[in-house]
């Protein structure tokens, strides 16, 4: 298994994997207005879509998105966000999510990102456990809701040298 940058021709499969994973886990309904956003994430060329693969099989994906003015959780140019971490159900509990998260953190460090942020749903207990195990801390002042009934918790990881020394 390895993590690499997604190829353009893989984007439809990656979008399908995200949607199937989120819907399958009850995190979204199939008719949610977020489904098209989730499916298209990364196709605009903004951000870096990473995939964990085993041969030709895409096991999971994560997107590293630099600060954008339309972001709900990044607030400055020295921040980036992790979006849409998804692992195919048959590949879960094999370390795929951790591998993808660490790869995104490494890419952010290489890009000189000072602060990495992400949002997650309260019911995503395993994901929240993973984020905390990698050093992310809660940022309750940045919690938000993209639609009624969908609260999102925000976490952050300081990457700048001053906060790690």
N, C-alpha and C. Protein backbone atom coordinates (compact mmCIF):
# COMPACT_ATOMS: atom_id res chain seq x y z
N UNK A 1 0.85 -1.18 0.00
CA UNK A 1 0.00 0.00 0.00
C UNK A 1 0.89 1.23 0.00
N UNK A 2 0.54 2.20 -0.85
CA UNK A 2 1.28 3.44 -0.85
C UNK A 2 0.34 4.61 -1.04
N UNK A 3 0.79 5.80 -0.64
CA UNK A 3 0.03 7.03 -0.81
C UNK A 3 0.72 7.84 -1.88
N UNK A 4 -0.07 8.34 -2.83
CA UNK A 4 0.45 9.17 -3.90
C UNK A 4 -0.60 10.19 -4.29
N UNK A 5 -0.18 11.14 -5.13
CA UNK A 5 -1.11 12.12 -5.64
C UNK A 5 -2.06 11.44 -6.62
N UNK A 6 -3.32 11.82 -6.55
CA UNK A 6 -4.31 11.24 -7.46
C UNK A 6 -4.07 11.72 -8.88
N UNK A 7 -4.38 10.85 -9.83
CA UNK A 7 -4.32 11.22 -11.24
C UNK A 7 -5.68 11.78 -11.66
N UNK A 8 -5.64 12.64 -12.67
CA UNK A 8 -6.87 13.27 -13.15
C UNK A 8 -7.93 12.24 -13.54
N UNK A 9 -7.52 11.16 -14.19
CA UNK A 9 -8.48 10.16 -14.65
C UNK A 9 -9.09 9.35 -13.50
N UNK A 10 -8.53 9.46 -12.30
CA UNK A 10 -9.06 8.76 -11.13
C UNK A 10 -10.11 9.57 -10.37
N UNK A 11 -10.24 10.84 -10.69
CA UNK A 11 -11.12 11.70 -9.90
C UNK A 11 -12.57 11.22 -9.84
N UNK A 12 -13.16 10.71 -10.92
CA UNK A 12 -14.54 10.19 -10.79
C UNK A 12 -14.64 9.02 -9.79
N UNK A 13 -13.68 8.10 -9.82
CA UNK A 13 -13.69 6.99 -8.86
C UNK A 13 -13.50 7.48 -7.43
N UNK A 14 -12.64 8.49 -7.27
CA UNK A 14 -12.39 9.05 -5.95
C UNK A 14 -13.65 9.72 -5.41
N UNK A 15 -14.33 10.49 -6.25
CA UNK A 15 -15.59 11.11 -5.85
C UNK A 15 -16.62 10.06 -5.45
N UNK A 16 -16.71 8.99 -6.23
CA UNK A 16 -17.64 7.90 -5.91
C UNK A 16 -17.29 7.24 -4.58
N UNK A 17 -15.99 7.04 -4.33
CA UNK A 17 -15.54 6.43 -3.08
C UNK A 17 -15.94 7.30 -1.89
N UNK A 18 -15.71 8.61 -2.01
CA UNK A 18 -16.07 9.52 -0.92
C UNK A 18 -17.56 9.42 -0.61
N UNK A 19 -18.37 9.58 -1.66
CA UNK A 19 -19.81 9.59 -1.46
C UNK A 19 -20.30 8.26 -0.90
N UNK A 20 -19.85 7.15 -1.48
CA UNK A 20 -20.26 5.82 -1.00
C UNK A 20 -19.88 5.63 0.46
N UNK A 21 -18.69 6.08 0.84
CA UNK A 21 -18.23 5.92 2.22
C UNK A 21 -19.06 6.76 3.17
N UNK A 22 -19.28 8.04 2.85
CA UNK A 22 -20.03 8.93 3.74
C UNK A 22 -21.50 8.50 3.83
N UNK A 23 -22.10 8.14 2.71
CA UNK A 23 -23.50 7.69 2.72
C UNK A 23 -23.60 6.34 3.43
N UNK A 24 -22.67 5.43 3.14
CA UNK A 24 -22.69 4.11 3.76
C UNK A 24 -22.54 4.14 5.27
N UNK A 25 -21.84 5.14 5.78
CA UNK A 25 -21.66 5.26 7.23
C UNK A 25 -22.75 6.10 7.88
N UNK A 26 -23.73 6.53 7.08
CA UNK A 26 -24.82 7.33 7.62
C UNK A 26 -24.43 8.76 7.93
N UNK A 27 -23.32 9.22 7.36
CA UNK A 27 -22.86 10.59 7.60
C UNK A 27 -23.57 11.59 6.69
N UNK A 28 -24.07 11.11 5.58
CA UNK A 28 -24.82 11.93 4.62
C UNK A 28 -25.96 11.09 4.07
N UNK A 29 -27.01 11.76 3.65
CA UNK A 29 -28.06 11.07 2.91
C UNK A 29 -27.73 11.18 1.43
N UNK A 30 -28.20 10.24 0.62
CA UNK A 30 -27.88 10.29 -0.81
C UNK A 30 -28.34 11.57 -1.51
N UNK A 31 -29.36 12.23 -0.96
CA UNK A 31 -29.87 13.46 -1.57
C UNK A 31 -29.35 14.73 -0.90
N UNK A 32 -28.35 14.60 -0.04
CA UNK A 32 -27.78 15.76 0.63
C UNK A 32 -27.20 16.74 -0.39
N UNK A 33 -27.38 18.03 -0.16
CA UNK A 33 -26.79 19.01 -1.07
C UNK A 33 -25.25 19.00 -1.05
N UNK A 34 -24.66 18.32 -0.07
CA UNK A 34 -23.21 18.24 0.00
C UNK A 34 -22.64 17.14 -0.90
N UNK A 35 -23.47 16.21 -1.35
CA UNK A 35 -22.99 15.10 -2.18
C UNK A 35 -22.26 15.60 -3.43
N UNK A 36 -22.81 16.54 -4.22
CA UNK A 36 -22.06 17.00 -5.41
C UNK A 36 -20.74 17.69 -5.04
N UNK A 37 -20.72 18.40 -3.92
CA UNK A 37 -19.49 19.06 -3.47
C UNK A 37 -18.45 18.01 -3.12
N UNK A 38 -18.86 17.01 -2.38
CA UNK A 38 -17.96 15.93 -1.96
C UNK A 38 -17.43 15.18 -3.18
N UNK A 39 -18.29 14.92 -4.13
CA UNK A 39 -17.90 14.20 -5.34
C UNK A 39 -16.88 14.99 -6.16
N UNK A 40 -17.03 16.30 -6.22
CA UNK A 40 -16.19 17.14 -7.08
C UNK A 40 -14.95 17.70 -6.40
N UNK A 41 -14.82 17.50 -5.11
CA UNK A 41 -13.71 18.09 -4.36
C UNK A 41 -12.36 17.76 -5.01
N UNK A 42 -11.59 18.78 -5.30
CA UNK A 42 -10.27 18.59 -5.88
C UNK A 42 -10.24 18.63 -7.40
N UNK A 43 -11.39 18.58 -8.05
CA UNK A 43 -11.40 18.56 -9.52
C UNK A 43 -11.12 19.93 -10.11
N UNK A 44 -11.24 20.98 -9.31
CA UNK A 44 -11.00 22.34 -9.81
C UNK A 44 -9.51 22.67 -9.90
N UNK A 45 -8.69 21.81 -9.35
CA UNK A 45 -7.26 22.06 -9.35
C UNK A 45 -6.77 22.75 -8.08
N UNK A 46 -7.70 23.14 -7.20
CA UNK A 46 -7.32 23.75 -5.93
C UNK A 46 -7.10 22.63 -4.93
N UNK A 47 -5.93 22.60 -4.38
CA UNK A 47 -5.61 21.59 -3.40
C UNK A 47 -4.97 20.37 -4.02
N UNK A 48 -4.62 19.46 -3.16
CA UNK A 48 -3.93 18.24 -3.57
C UNK A 48 -4.73 17.05 -3.07
N UNK A 49 -5.15 16.20 -3.99
CA UNK A 49 -5.90 15.00 -3.64
C UNK A 49 -4.91 13.84 -3.58
N UNK A 50 -4.87 13.20 -2.43
CA UNK A 50 -4.00 12.04 -2.24
C UNK A 50 -4.85 10.78 -2.19
N UNK A 51 -4.28 9.68 -2.64
CA UNK A 51 -4.95 8.39 -2.58
C UNK A 51 -4.02 7.35 -1.97
N UNK A 52 -4.61 6.44 -1.22
CA UNK A 52 -3.90 5.25 -0.77
C UNK A 52 -4.30 4.15 -1.74
N UNK A 53 -3.31 3.52 -2.32
CA UNK A 53 -3.59 2.50 -3.33
C UNK A 53 -2.89 1.20 -2.99
N UNK A 54 -3.49 0.13 -3.48
CA UNK A 54 -2.89 -1.20 -3.45
C UNK A 54 -3.03 -1.70 -4.87
N UNK A 55 -1.97 -1.57 -5.65
CA UNK A 55 -2.06 -1.85 -7.08
C UNK A 55 -2.94 -0.80 -7.74
N UNK A 56 -3.97 -1.25 -8.44
CA UNK A 56 -4.91 -0.33 -9.07
C UNK A 56 -6.11 0.00 -8.18
N UNK A 57 -6.15 -0.60 -7.00
CA UNK A 57 -7.29 -0.43 -6.11
C UNK A 57 -7.09 0.83 -5.25
N UNK A 58 -8.04 1.74 -5.31
CA UNK A 58 -8.01 2.95 -4.47
C UNK A 58 -8.70 2.60 -3.15
N UNK A 59 -7.91 2.60 -2.08
CA UNK A 59 -8.41 2.22 -0.76
C UNK A 59 -8.98 3.40 0.02
N UNK A 60 -8.46 4.60 -0.26
CA UNK A 60 -8.90 5.77 0.48
C UNK A 60 -8.33 7.02 -0.14
N UNK A 61 -8.80 8.16 0.38
CA UNK A 61 -8.40 9.44 -0.16
C UNK A 61 -8.48 10.53 0.91
N UNK A 62 -7.74 11.58 0.70
CA UNK A 62 -7.80 12.78 1.52
C UNK A 62 -7.39 13.96 0.64
N UNK A 63 -7.91 15.13 0.95
CA UNK A 63 -7.57 16.33 0.20
C UNK A 63 -6.91 17.34 1.13
N UNK A 64 -5.82 17.90 0.68
CA UNK A 64 -5.12 18.98 1.38
C UNK A 64 -5.40 20.25 0.60
N UNK A 65 -6.09 21.18 1.21
CA UNK A 65 -6.52 22.39 0.51
C UNK A 65 -5.89 23.61 1.16
N UNK A 66 -5.14 24.39 0.38
CA UNK A 66 -4.56 25.60 0.94
C UNK A 66 -5.65 26.62 1.28
N UNK A 67 -5.29 27.61 2.07
CA UNK A 67 -6.24 28.67 2.43
C UNK A 67 -6.90 29.23 1.18
N UNK A 68 -8.21 29.35 1.25
CA UNK A 68 -9.01 30.00 0.22
C UNK A 68 -9.94 30.96 0.93
N UNK A 69 -10.24 32.06 0.30
CA UNK A 69 -11.12 33.06 0.93
C UNK A 69 -12.50 32.51 1.27
N UNK A 70 -12.95 31.49 0.54
CA UNK A 70 -14.28 30.93 0.79
C UNK A 70 -14.29 29.80 1.81
N UNK A 71 -13.16 29.55 2.44
CA UNK A 71 -13.07 28.46 3.43
C UNK A 71 -13.91 28.78 4.66
N UNK A 72 -14.52 27.75 5.19
CA UNK A 72 -15.29 27.92 6.42
C UNK A 72 -14.41 27.86 7.67
N UNK A 73 -13.20 27.27 7.56
CA UNK A 73 -12.42 27.10 8.79
C UNK A 73 -11.00 27.64 8.74
N UNK A 74 -10.40 27.80 7.57
CA UNK A 74 -9.08 28.43 7.55
C UNK A 74 -9.29 29.94 7.56
N UNK A 75 -8.39 30.64 8.26
CA UNK A 75 -8.59 32.08 8.43
C UNK A 75 -7.43 32.93 7.92
N UNK A 76 -6.33 32.28 7.51
CA UNK A 76 -5.19 33.06 7.03
C UNK A 76 -4.35 32.23 6.06
N UNK A 77 -3.50 32.92 5.34
CA UNK A 77 -2.71 32.29 4.28
C UNK A 77 -1.70 31.26 4.81
N UNK A 78 -1.40 31.28 6.10
CA UNK A 78 -0.46 30.29 6.64
C UNK A 78 -1.17 29.01 7.11
N UNK A 79 -2.46 28.91 6.80
CA UNK A 79 -3.22 27.73 7.17
C UNK A 79 -3.62 26.93 5.93
N UNK A 80 -3.88 25.66 6.15
CA UNK A 80 -4.44 24.77 5.12
C UNK A 80 -5.42 23.86 5.83
N UNK A 81 -6.29 23.24 5.04
CA UNK A 81 -7.25 22.34 5.66
C UNK A 81 -7.22 20.97 5.03
N UNK A 82 -7.54 20.01 5.85
CA UNK A 82 -7.71 18.63 5.40
C UNK A 82 -9.19 18.44 5.17
N UNK A 83 -9.52 17.89 4.00
CA UNK A 83 -10.93 17.69 3.64
C UNK A 83 -11.14 16.25 3.19
N UNK A 84 -12.31 15.76 3.46
CA UNK A 84 -12.85 14.54 2.88
C UNK A 84 -11.95 13.31 3.02
N UNK A 85 -11.47 13.07 4.22
CA UNK A 85 -10.76 11.81 4.47
C UNK A 85 -11.79 10.69 4.38
N UNK A 86 -11.57 9.76 3.49
CA UNK A 86 -12.52 8.66 3.30
C UNK A 86 -11.74 7.39 2.99
N UNK A 87 -12.13 6.31 3.65
CA UNK A 87 -11.53 5.00 3.43
C UNK A 87 -12.65 4.04 3.04
N UNK A 88 -12.45 3.31 1.96
CA UNK A 88 -13.45 2.35 1.51
C UNK A 88 -13.77 1.40 2.66
N UNK A 89 -15.04 1.05 2.84
CA UNK A 89 -15.42 0.20 3.97
C UNK A 89 -14.61 -1.10 4.08
N UNK A 90 -14.32 -1.75 2.98
CA UNK A 90 -13.57 -3.01 3.02
C UNK A 90 -12.10 -2.81 3.40
N UNK A 91 -11.61 -1.56 3.36
CA UNK A 91 -10.21 -1.28 3.68
C UNK A 91 -10.04 -0.66 5.07
N UNK A 92 -11.13 -0.46 5.79
CA UNK A 92 -11.05 0.15 7.11
C UNK A 92 -10.41 -0.80 8.11
N UNK A 93 -9.84 -0.20 9.14
CA UNK A 93 -9.15 -0.91 10.21
C UNK A 93 -7.86 -1.58 9.74
N UNK A 94 -7.29 -1.02 8.66
CA UNK A 94 -6.01 -1.53 8.14
C UNK A 94 -4.94 -0.44 8.18
N UNK A 95 -5.23 0.70 8.82
CA UNK A 95 -4.26 1.78 8.92
C UNK A 95 -4.26 2.74 7.75
N UNK A 96 -5.23 2.60 6.84
CA UNK A 96 -5.28 3.45 5.65
C UNK A 96 -5.53 4.91 6.04
N UNK A 97 -6.47 5.16 6.94
CA UNK A 97 -6.78 6.53 7.35
C UNK A 97 -5.57 7.22 7.98
N UNK A 98 -4.87 6.52 8.84
CA UNK A 98 -3.68 7.08 9.48
C UNK A 98 -2.59 7.37 8.47
N UNK A 99 -2.41 6.47 7.54
CA UNK A 99 -1.40 6.67 6.48
C UNK A 99 -1.72 7.90 5.65
N UNK A 100 -2.99 8.06 5.28
CA UNK A 100 -3.41 9.24 4.50
C UNK A 100 -3.24 10.53 5.31
N UNK A 101 -3.64 10.50 6.57
CA UNK A 101 -3.53 11.68 7.41
C UNK A 101 -2.08 12.10 7.57
N UNK A 102 -1.20 11.14 7.85
CA UNK A 102 0.23 11.47 8.01
C UNK A 102 0.83 11.99 6.70
N UNK A 103 0.40 11.45 5.57
CA UNK A 103 0.89 11.94 4.28
C UNK A 103 0.44 13.38 4.05
N UNK A 104 -0.79 13.70 4.42
CA UNK A 104 -1.28 15.08 4.27
C UNK A 104 -0.51 16.03 5.19
N UNK A 105 -0.21 15.58 6.40
CA UNK A 105 0.57 16.40 7.34
C UNK A 105 1.96 16.64 6.77
N UNK A 106 2.60 15.60 6.25
CA UNK A 106 3.93 15.76 5.65
C UNK A 106 3.91 16.75 4.49
N UNK A 107 2.90 16.66 3.64
CA UNK A 107 2.79 17.60 2.51
C UNK A 107 2.60 19.02 3.01
N UNK A 108 1.81 19.19 4.06
CA UNK A 108 1.60 20.51 4.63
C UNK A 108 2.90 21.08 5.20
N UNK A 109 3.67 20.25 5.89
CA UNK A 109 4.97 20.69 6.43
C UNK A 109 5.87 21.13 5.28
N UNK A 110 5.93 20.34 4.23
CA UNK A 110 6.78 20.68 3.07
C UNK A 110 6.32 21.97 2.39
N UNK A 111 5.03 22.27 2.48
CA UNK A 111 4.49 23.50 1.88
C UNK A 111 4.59 24.69 2.84
N UNK A 112 5.23 24.49 3.99
CA UNK A 112 5.43 25.54 5.00
C UNK A 112 4.11 26.05 5.58
N UNK A 113 3.15 25.17 5.71
CA UNK A 113 1.90 25.50 6.38
C UNK A 113 2.18 25.58 7.87
N UNK A 114 1.69 26.64 8.51
CA UNK A 114 1.91 26.80 9.95
C UNK A 114 0.84 26.11 10.78
N UNK A 115 -0.37 26.03 10.23
CA UNK A 115 -1.49 25.49 11.00
C UNK A 115 -2.39 24.70 10.06
N UNK A 116 -2.63 23.46 10.41
CA UNK A 116 -3.47 22.58 9.62
C UNK A 116 -4.78 22.39 10.38
N UNK A 117 -5.91 22.57 9.71
CA UNK A 117 -7.20 22.46 10.36
C UNK A 117 -8.10 21.48 9.60
N UNK A 118 -9.10 20.98 10.31
CA UNK A 118 -10.08 20.09 9.69
C UNK A 118 -11.36 20.14 10.48
N UNK A 119 -12.44 19.71 9.84
CA UNK A 119 -13.73 19.60 10.52
C UNK A 119 -14.21 18.17 10.42
N UNK A 120 -14.96 17.76 11.43
CA UNK A 120 -15.49 16.40 11.47
C UNK A 120 -16.83 16.41 12.19
N UNK A 121 -17.65 15.45 11.89
CA UNK A 121 -18.94 15.34 12.55
C UNK A 121 -18.76 14.69 13.93
N UNK A 122 -19.58 15.09 14.90
CA UNK A 122 -19.46 14.49 16.24
C UNK A 122 -19.59 12.97 16.24
N UNK A 123 -20.37 12.40 15.31
CA UNK A 123 -20.55 10.94 15.31
C UNK A 123 -19.36 10.20 14.71
N UNK A 124 -18.39 10.91 14.17
CA UNK A 124 -17.20 10.27 13.58
C UNK A 124 -16.16 10.01 14.68
N UNK A 125 -16.50 9.12 15.58
CA UNK A 125 -15.68 8.87 16.76
C UNK A 125 -14.29 8.33 16.38
N UNK A 126 -14.24 7.36 15.48
CA UNK A 126 -12.94 6.78 15.10
C UNK A 126 -12.06 7.83 14.43
N UNK A 127 -12.63 8.67 13.60
CA UNK A 127 -11.85 9.72 12.94
C UNK A 127 -11.33 10.71 13.97
N UNK A 128 -12.18 11.10 14.91
CA UNK A 128 -11.73 12.05 15.93
C UNK A 128 -10.61 11.45 16.77
N UNK A 129 -10.70 10.17 17.06
CA UNK A 129 -9.64 9.48 17.82
C UNK A 129 -8.33 9.52 17.02
N UNK A 130 -8.42 9.28 15.73
CA UNK A 130 -7.24 9.33 14.86
C UNK A 130 -6.62 10.73 14.87
N UNK A 131 -7.44 11.75 14.72
CA UNK A 131 -6.91 13.12 14.69
C UNK A 131 -6.18 13.47 15.98
N UNK A 132 -6.77 13.12 17.11
CA UNK A 132 -6.14 13.40 18.40
C UNK A 132 -4.83 12.62 18.53
N UNK A 133 -4.80 11.37 18.06
CA UNK A 133 -3.58 10.57 18.16
C UNK A 133 -2.44 11.16 17.33
N UNK A 134 -2.77 11.95 16.33
CA UNK A 134 -1.74 12.59 15.50
C UNK A 134 -1.42 14.01 15.97
N UNK A 135 -2.01 14.43 17.10
CA UNK A 135 -1.66 15.72 17.70
C UNK A 135 -2.65 16.84 17.46
N UNK A 136 -3.73 16.60 16.76
CA UNK A 136 -4.74 17.64 16.55
C UNK A 136 -5.45 17.92 17.87
N UNK A 137 -5.80 19.19 18.07
CA UNK A 137 -6.54 19.61 19.26
C UNK A 137 -7.82 20.31 18.84
N UNK A 138 -8.82 20.25 19.69
CA UNK A 138 -10.11 20.88 19.41
C UNK A 138 -9.98 22.39 19.32
N UNK A 139 -10.69 22.96 18.37
CA UNK A 139 -10.79 24.41 18.22
C UNK A 139 -12.28 24.76 18.24
N UNK A 140 -12.92 24.69 19.40
CA UNK A 140 -14.37 24.88 19.45
C UNK A 140 -14.84 26.24 18.93
N UNK A 141 -13.97 27.23 18.99
CA UNK A 141 -14.35 28.55 18.48
C UNK A 141 -14.53 28.56 16.97
N UNK A 142 -14.06 27.50 16.29
CA UNK A 142 -14.20 27.41 14.83
C UNK A 142 -15.25 26.38 14.40
N UNK A 143 -15.95 25.78 15.35
CA UNK A 143 -17.02 24.86 14.99
C UNK A 143 -18.04 25.59 14.13
N UNK A 144 -18.69 24.86 13.24
CA UNK A 144 -19.64 25.48 12.32
C UNK A 144 -20.62 24.45 11.82
N UNK A 145 -21.58 24.89 11.04
CA UNK A 145 -22.60 24.00 10.50
C UNK A 145 -22.90 24.39 9.06
N UNK A 146 -22.63 23.50 8.10
CA UNK A 146 -22.89 23.83 6.70
C UNK A 146 -24.37 23.81 6.35
N UNK A 147 -25.16 23.11 7.16
CA UNK A 147 -26.61 23.06 6.97
C UNK A 147 -27.25 22.71 8.29
N UNK A 148 -28.52 23.04 8.46
CA UNK A 148 -29.19 22.72 9.73
C UNK A 148 -29.09 21.23 10.05
N UNK A 149 -28.80 20.95 11.31
CA UNK A 149 -28.73 19.57 11.76
C UNK A 149 -27.41 18.87 11.46
N UNK A 150 -26.41 19.62 10.95
CA UNK A 150 -25.11 19.01 10.66
C UNK A 150 -24.01 19.84 11.33
N UNK A 151 -23.85 19.67 12.64
CA UNK A 151 -22.76 20.38 13.33
C UNK A 151 -21.42 19.77 12.98
N UNK A 152 -20.42 20.61 12.83
CA UNK A 152 -19.07 20.13 12.56
C UNK A 152 -18.14 20.65 13.64
N UNK A 153 -17.30 19.76 14.15
CA UNK A 153 -16.29 20.09 15.14
C UNK A 153 -14.98 20.37 14.41
N UNK A 154 -14.26 21.38 14.84
CA UNK A 154 -13.01 21.75 14.18
C UNK A 154 -11.83 21.40 15.08
N UNK A 155 -10.78 20.89 14.42
CA UNK A 155 -9.53 20.51 15.08
C UNK A 155 -8.38 21.19 14.36
N UNK A 156 -7.28 21.42 15.07
CA UNK A 156 -6.12 22.04 14.46
C UNK A 156 -4.82 21.39 14.93
N UNK A 157 -3.82 21.49 14.08
CA UNK A 157 -2.48 20.97 14.38
C UNK A 157 -1.47 22.05 14.01
N UNK A 158 -0.70 22.53 15.00
CA UNK A 158 0.32 23.54 14.74
C UNK A 158 1.52 22.84 14.10
N UNK A 159 1.97 23.39 12.97
CA UNK A 159 3.11 22.83 12.26
C UNK A 159 4.30 23.76 12.25
N UNK A 160 4.08 25.03 12.62
CA UNK A 160 5.18 25.99 12.58
C UNK A 160 6.20 25.64 13.64
N UNK A 161 7.43 25.90 13.33
CA UNK A 161 8.56 25.50 14.16
C UNK A 161 8.46 26.04 15.59
N UNK A 162 8.02 27.27 15.75
CA UNK A 162 7.97 27.89 17.07
C UNK A 162 7.06 27.11 18.02
N UNK A 163 5.95 26.57 17.50
CA UNK A 163 5.02 25.87 18.38
C UNK A 163 5.47 24.44 18.67
N UNK A 164 6.44 23.92 17.93
CA UNK A 164 6.93 22.55 18.15
C UNK A 164 8.18 22.51 19.01
N UNK A 165 8.85 23.62 19.17
CA UNK A 165 10.10 23.65 19.97
C UNK A 165 9.83 23.74 21.44
